[in-house]
Structure formats: C-alpha cells, structure tokens
C-alpha cells in the first residue's frame, strides 16, 4: 500500500477516534449535558466506555490482519488506536479527579487566568485525602488505576526511537501487557456496576474472543514450527 493511502487511512482513524470526544464536547457546549440527571456520572461512563472500545479495537488489529495478507496494512494503525485508548482512559481518570472527587475546577481555571496558580495546589490538597482513601478502599478504583498505569507505560514507550533503545524483544514483552490492561479494564467495569447488572458482558465476550484468538494462533504456530531439540527420525536401508 502506498504512503499516500496509509496517510489517508491514518487521517480517517484520527477522525473516527476523535468523533466520540467531539460529540461529548458538542453535548456539553449545547447545554444538553446540563439537562442530564447526573452529568458527571454520564461523562465518567462515556469516557470509560470509549476507553474500553478503543482498547479492544487495538487488540483486534493483530488477529484481523492475520486473516489475509491483503489487510496487513492494519498493523500501521494499531499504535494510533492504542494511543487513543490511553487518551480516553486519561479522560476517564481526569473526570474522577477533577469532577467526581469534588475538585473545584472552575475556580482553579479562573485562578490560573488571574495569575494565582497557588489555588490549583490548594484545591488539590483538599481533595487528595478523599482520592487516596478511595484508592486504598475501593477495589474497582485500584484495578482501574492499574490498567491506566499500564497504558501510560505503553504510551510513553510507543515512539520508534524508544523501541530501538529498548530492543525489539524487550519492547514486545512490555507491550504484551496491553492484554493485562484490557483484562483489568473489564474487571474494573464489572466491579463498578451494581450487583446483578450485566452491562459489561459484551465487552467481556469480545475480549474473550480476542484472547482465545491469541492463544489459538500461538498454539498453531508452535505446532507448525519444528522443534530443533527433537532428533529427526532416520530410516534404515
């Protein structure tokens, strides 16, 4: 595939991945979000959902491109989609820190514009004990934060020059943790919803299929690869 075609595909991927965020901004600026029964809860779930969706889309790239050499170009989009998964996961975390925890974001922004950055730190000191208490007490926050930390590590090491510095094998070992992040994200979803709510089952099913595809491919690859340690059978004349 030509460089021009790859560039167009990347632009389309950017537009598709940014579409939910653009819609959320429009929902906010139009005033419709304020009419919601719980705007903060809506933003929290919206950003969390799209973090999982983009993460699953990133994981789906590898098994899909293995179906046919004609769609091998999909691998060029995997890193980009993964970065958007981190983007939405960071928005999800920021929603909790700056909105759900009680942080006075409007006052902090006004103080910054007025040249009083100390207010930002003072507000943070007020909400930090609550955030720390939630982190230590609530297991769904713990596993969700764990997933975000993995995505942070993957995002920071995504540039090509870092991959070269780490070495291909070490870089691959680290980036396989994306599966751990996806599992942790789904667990975070299950632990977040109320008992009896089955909303996360669809995300769980998609993740299970992707994990099984990975296991099946690895098993088939090992079966097809001859074992050099095993002596070849000889025939007697």
Protein backbone atom coordinates (compact mmCIF):
# COMPACT_ATOMS: atom_id res chain seq x y z
CA UNK A 1 0.00 0.00 0.00
CA UNK A 2 1.31 3.45 -0.92
CA UNK A 3 2.35 6.06 1.64
CA UNK A 4 -0.48 8.30 0.44
CA UNK A 5 -3.05 5.57 1.14
CA UNK A 6 -1.58 4.93 4.59
CA UNK A 7 -1.72 8.67 5.34
CA UNK A 8 -5.39 8.82 4.33
CA UNK A 9 -6.18 5.79 6.50
CA UNK A 10 -4.45 7.38 9.47
CA UNK A 11 -6.40 10.60 8.98
CA UNK A 12 -9.64 8.62 8.86
CA UNK A 13 -8.59 6.75 12.00
CA UNK A 14 -7.94 10.05 13.77
CA UNK A 15 -11.38 11.31 12.76
CA UNK A 16 -13.13 8.13 13.87
CA UNK A 17 -11.33 8.01 17.20
CA UNK A 18 -11.92 11.70 17.89
CA UNK A 19 -15.60 11.55 16.92
CA UNK A 20 -16.82 10.46 20.41
CA UNK A 21 -14.81 13.23 22.07
CA UNK A 22 -16.13 15.79 19.59
CA UNK A 23 -19.67 14.61 20.26
CA UNK A 24 -19.14 14.90 24.02
CA UNK A 25 -17.86 18.46 23.59
CA UNK A 26 -20.90 19.32 21.48
CA UNK A 27 -23.15 17.69 24.07
CA UNK A 28 -21.56 19.94 26.71
CA UNK A 29 -21.46 23.21 24.75
CA UNK A 30 -25.03 22.82 23.54
CA UNK A 31 -26.27 22.69 27.13
CA UNK A 32 -27.76 19.22 26.71
CA UNK A 33 -25.33 17.69 29.20
CA UNK A 34 -26.53 20.05 31.93
CA UNK A 35 -30.05 18.66 31.48
CA UNK A 36 -28.82 15.15 32.27
CA UNK A 37 -29.81 13.80 35.69
CA UNK A 38 -26.13 13.27 36.61
CA UNK A 39 -23.73 14.97 34.16
CA UNK A 40 -20.54 13.88 35.95
CA UNK A 41 -21.67 10.27 36.07
CA UNK A 42 -22.54 10.47 32.37
CA UNK A 43 -19.07 11.77 31.45
CA UNK A 44 -17.45 9.12 33.65
CA UNK A 45 -19.25 6.26 31.94
CA UNK A 46 -18.92 7.76 28.47
CA UNK A 47 -15.14 8.16 28.67
CA UNK A 48 -14.74 4.77 30.36
CA UNK A 49 -16.79 3.03 27.68
CA UNK A 50 -14.76 4.55 24.85
CA UNK A 51 -11.51 3.72 26.61
CA UNK A 52 -12.56 0.06 26.56
CA UNK A 53 -13.91 0.21 22.99
CA UNK A 54 -10.70 1.68 21.57
CA UNK A 55 -8.58 -0.71 23.61
CA UNK A 56 -10.49 -3.70 22.25
CA UNK A 57 -10.20 -2.25 18.74
CA UNK A 58 -6.44 -2.03 19.22
CA UNK A 59 -6.30 -5.68 20.30
CA UNK A 60 -8.44 -6.71 17.33
CA UNK A 61 -5.95 -5.35 14.78
CA UNK A 62 -3.46 -8.22 15.04
CA UNK A 63 -5.91 -11.15 14.67
CA UNK A 64 -7.74 -9.36 11.85
CA UNK A 65 -4.63 -8.68 9.78
CA UNK A 66 -3.62 -12.34 10.15
CA UNK A 67 -6.75 -13.37 8.26
CA UNK A 68 -5.33 -12.20 4.94
CA UNK A 69 -2.08 -10.65 3.66
CA UNK A 70 -4.24 -8.10 1.82
CA UNK A 71 -5.13 -6.35 5.09
CA UNK A 72 -1.65 -6.44 6.59
CA UNK A 73 -1.74 -2.62 6.45
CA UNK A 74 -3.95 -2.69 9.55
CA UNK A 75 -0.85 -3.08 11.68
CA UNK A 76 0.08 0.50 10.74
CA UNK A 77 -2.97 1.70 12.69
CA UNK A 78 -2.55 -0.36 15.86
CA UNK A 79 -0.27 2.09 17.72
CA UNK A 80 -2.51 5.03 16.82
CA UNK A 81 -5.64 3.30 18.11
CA UNK A 82 -3.78 2.26 21.26
CA UNK A 83 -2.83 5.87 21.96
CA UNK A 84 -6.48 6.86 21.70
CA UNK A 85 -7.32 4.13 24.22
CA UNK A 86 -4.88 5.85 26.58
CA UNK A 87 -6.43 9.22 25.70
CA UNK A 88 -9.95 8.13 26.69
CA UNK A 89 -8.65 6.27 29.76
CA UNK A 90 -6.90 9.50 30.84
CA UNK A 91 -10.12 11.47 30.31
CA UNK A 92 -11.90 8.85 32.42
CA UNK A 93 -9.34 9.26 35.21
CA UNK A 94 -9.38 13.05 34.91
CA UNK A 95 -13.17 13.04 35.23
CA UNK A 96 -12.85 11.28 38.56
CA UNK A 97 -10.04 13.54 39.83
CA UNK A 98 -11.34 16.92 38.67
CA UNK A 99 -15.10 16.40 38.72
CA UNK A 100 -16.20 13.41 40.77
CA UNK A 101 -13.81 13.98 43.70
CA UNK A 102 -15.09 17.48 44.35
CA UNK A 103 -12.13 19.38 42.93
CA UNK A 104 -13.25 22.95 42.23
CA UNK A 105 -12.15 23.02 38.58
CA UNK A 106 -13.94 26.28 37.56
CA UNK A 107 -12.32 28.16 40.44
CA UNK A 108 -8.92 26.66 39.66
CA UNK A 109 -9.14 27.68 36.00
CA UNK A 110 -10.28 31.18 36.91
CA UNK A 111 -7.37 31.49 39.34
CA UNK A 112 -4.91 30.39 36.67
CA UNK A 113 -6.21 33.04 34.28
CA UNK A 114 -5.90 35.62 37.05
CA UNK A 115 -2.30 34.60 37.73
CA UNK A 116 -2.88 32.76 41.00
CA UNK A 117 -1.62 29.20 40.44
CA UNK A 118 -1.44 28.54 44.17
CA UNK A 119 -5.21 27.99 44.25
CA UNK A 120 -4.77 24.96 41.99
CA UNK A 121 -2.46 23.36 44.56
CA UNK A 122 -4.67 24.36 47.49
CA UNK A 123 -7.72 22.74 45.89
CA UNK A 124 -5.68 19.62 45.17
CA UNK A 125 -4.63 19.39 48.83
CA UNK A 126 -8.28 19.48 49.84
CA UNK A 127 -9.40 16.59 47.62
CA UNK A 128 -6.24 14.45 47.81
CA UNK A 129 -7.20 12.73 51.12
CA UNK A 130 -10.52 11.69 49.59
CA UNK A 131 -8.84 10.38 46.44
CA UNK A 132 -6.26 8.45 48.45
CA UNK A 133 -8.97 6.99 50.68
CA UNK A 134 -10.95 5.82 47.64
CA UNK A 135 -7.81 4.34 46.07
CA UNK A 136 -6.99 2.35 49.21
CA UNK A 137 -10.57 1.26 49.91
CA UNK A 138 -12.33 0.70 46.60
CA UNK A 139 -11.05 -2.24 44.58
CA UNK A 140 -12.64 -1.12 41.30
CA UNK A 141 -10.57 2.09 41.50
CA UNK A 142 -7.43 0.07 42.26
CA UNK A 143 -7.78 -2.22 39.24
CA UNK A 144 -8.82 0.68 37.01
CA UNK A 145 -5.78 2.71 38.05
CA UNK A 146 -3.60 -0.36 37.46
CA UNK A 147 -4.93 -0.59 33.90
CA UNK A 148 -4.24 3.12 33.36
CA UNK A 149 -0.65 2.77 34.61
CA UNK A 150 -0.02 0.01 32.06
CA UNK A 151 -1.47 2.14 29.27
CA UNK A 152 0.70 5.03 30.44
CA UNK A 153 3.83 2.86 30.20
CA UNK A 154 2.82 1.69 26.72
CA UNK A 155 2.07 5.21 25.53
CA UNK A 156 5.42 6.53 26.81
CA UNK A 157 7.32 3.74 25.06
CA UNK A 158 5.34 3.85 21.81
CA UNK A 159 7.74 6.06 19.78
CA UNK A 160 10.03 4.20 17.40
CA UNK A 161 13.22 5.63 18.89
CA UNK A 162 12.30 4.23 22.32
CA UNK A 163 11.59 0.84 20.79
CA UNK A 164 15.05 0.87 19.22
CA UNK A 165 16.62 1.91 22.54
CA UNK A 166 14.81 -0.86 24.44
CA UNK A 167 15.44 -3.54 21.85
CA UNK A 168 12.71 -5.31 19.91
CA UNK A 169 12.23 -8.25 22.27
CA UNK A 170 12.08 -6.16 25.44
CA UNK A 171 9.68 -3.75 23.75
CA UNK A 172 7.43 -6.62 22.68
CA UNK A 173 7.42 -8.11 26.18
CA UNK A 174 6.34 -4.79 27.64
CA UNK A 175 3.65 -4.16 25.05
CA UNK A 176 2.11 -7.58 25.56
CA UNK A 177 0.91 -6.13 28.85
CA UNK A 178 -1.83 -4.48 26.79
CA UNK A 179 -3.76 -7.72 27.29
CA UNK A 180 -3.35 -7.35 31.05
CA UNK A 181 -4.60 -3.77 30.79
CA UNK A 182 -7.67 -4.93 28.85
CA UNK A 183 -8.45 -7.64 31.40
CA UNK A 184 -8.02 -5.14 34.25
CA UNK A 185 -10.28 -2.63 32.45
CA UNK A 186 -13.06 -5.19 32.06
CA UNK A 187 -12.72 -6.24 35.70
CA UNK A 188 -12.91 -2.54 36.64
CA UNK A 189 -16.17 -2.35 34.71
CA UNK A 190 -17.65 -5.41 36.44
CA UNK A 191 -16.69 -4.19 39.90
CA UNK A 192 -18.02 -0.72 39.15
CA UNK A 193 -21.59 -1.70 38.23
CA UNK A 194 -24.15 -2.76 40.80
CA UNK A 195 -24.70 -6.41 41.66
CA UNK A 196 -26.97 -8.04 39.11
CA UNK A 197 -26.15 -5.60 36.30
CA UNK A 198 -24.81 -7.46 33.27
CA UNK A 199 -23.85 -4.49 31.10
CA UNK A 200 -20.13 -5.42 30.83
CA UNK A 201 -20.85 -8.84 29.32
CA UNK A 202 -20.46 -7.64 25.72
CA UNK A 203 -17.02 -6.16 26.34
CA UNK A 204 -16.09 -9.32 28.23
CA UNK A 205 -17.21 -11.53 25.34
CA UNK A 206 -15.20 -9.53 22.78
CA UNK A 207 -12.11 -9.65 24.99
CA UNK A 208 -12.53 -13.40 25.50
CA UNK A 209 -12.66 -13.96 21.73
CA UNK A 210 -9.54 -11.85 21.20
CA UNK A 211 -7.65 -13.70 23.94
CA UNK A 212 -8.70 -17.08 22.54
CA UNK A 213 -7.57 -15.98 19.09
CA UNK A 214 -4.18 -15.08 20.52
CA UNK A 215 -3.87 -18.43 22.32
CA UNK A 216 -5.01 -20.39 19.26
CA UNK A 217 -2.54 -18.61 16.98
CA UNK A 218 0.34 -19.22 19.39
CA UNK A 219 -0.57 -22.91 19.71
CA UNK A 220 -0.81 -23.40 15.94
CA UNK A 221 2.48 -21.60 15.41
CA UNK A 222 4.23 -23.91 17.86
CA UNK A 223 2.74 -26.98 16.19
CA UNK A 224 3.87 -25.86 12.75
CA UNK A 225 7.38 -24.89 13.90
CA UNK A 226 9.74 -27.88 14.03
CA UNK A 227 11.48 -28.44 17.34
CA UNK A 228 15.27 -28.31 16.79
CA UNK A 229 15.85 -30.23 20.00
CA UNK A 230 13.90 -33.20 18.72
CA UNK A 231 16.06 -35.57 16.61
CA UNK A 232 14.77 -36.32 13.14
CA UNK A 233 13.66 -39.88 12.55
CA UNK A 234 16.06 -41.87 10.40
CA UNK A 235 15.16 -44.64 8.05
CA UNK A 236 17.14 -47.85 7.75
CA UNK A 237 18.14 -49.06 4.30
